[in-house]
Amino acid sequence: MSKQSHLAKASQPNGSHSVDRGSTSSVGYGRPPVHTRFKPGQSGNPKGRRKGQRNVHTVVAETLNQRIRIREGDRTRSLTKLDGWIMTMVSTALKGDAKAHASLITLMRSLGMIGEVPDVAEAQPLTANDDAVIADFLRRQTPESQQTEATDDNEQSAPDETTPRSTEAKS
């Protein structure tokens, strides 16, 4: 009976809806009907992830942080699984295992423990001024006999030292 009275109030003969601003049963954007709202403690996604379910990162981190006991000679020592794994990798690499050696170097590079030589690609290209300096150096280093022969042969085609050389390939 309450549904009929609610429907009779909400709908009018011309199709418009009467909205009572002060009541909690008003329906609109962000205000679903009261009978379809989630009850307190009811989830909107009942088949979603359960509380306390752990992801892979959490499981791996917890497993590697578990403590184990190892024997070194006649002494027993407690350390984490991660520490034991790294100790095993280093000792195996020291014994000459190439795979362990490569894994250790990869690990050290990823942690930034190895100072890498900068790539040659980072070098700046030669400028026009650099070309002039190199040409002057070569001119001073060549013997005078070769220099006079070169100037006689290339006198007409000698480039002007004040203008930079073209770096484009001639076709």
Foldseek 3Di string as FASTA:
>chain_A
DVVVVVVVQQADPVGHGDADVPDLQGDDVVRHGPVPDDDVPDDPCVPDDDPPDDDPVVVVVVQQQDWDWDDDPPDIDIDGNVVVVVVVLVVVVVVPDPVSVVVVVVVCVVVVNDDDDDDPVPDDDDDLVNVLVVVVVVLVPDDPVVVVVVCVVCVPPDDDSVDGDDPDDDD
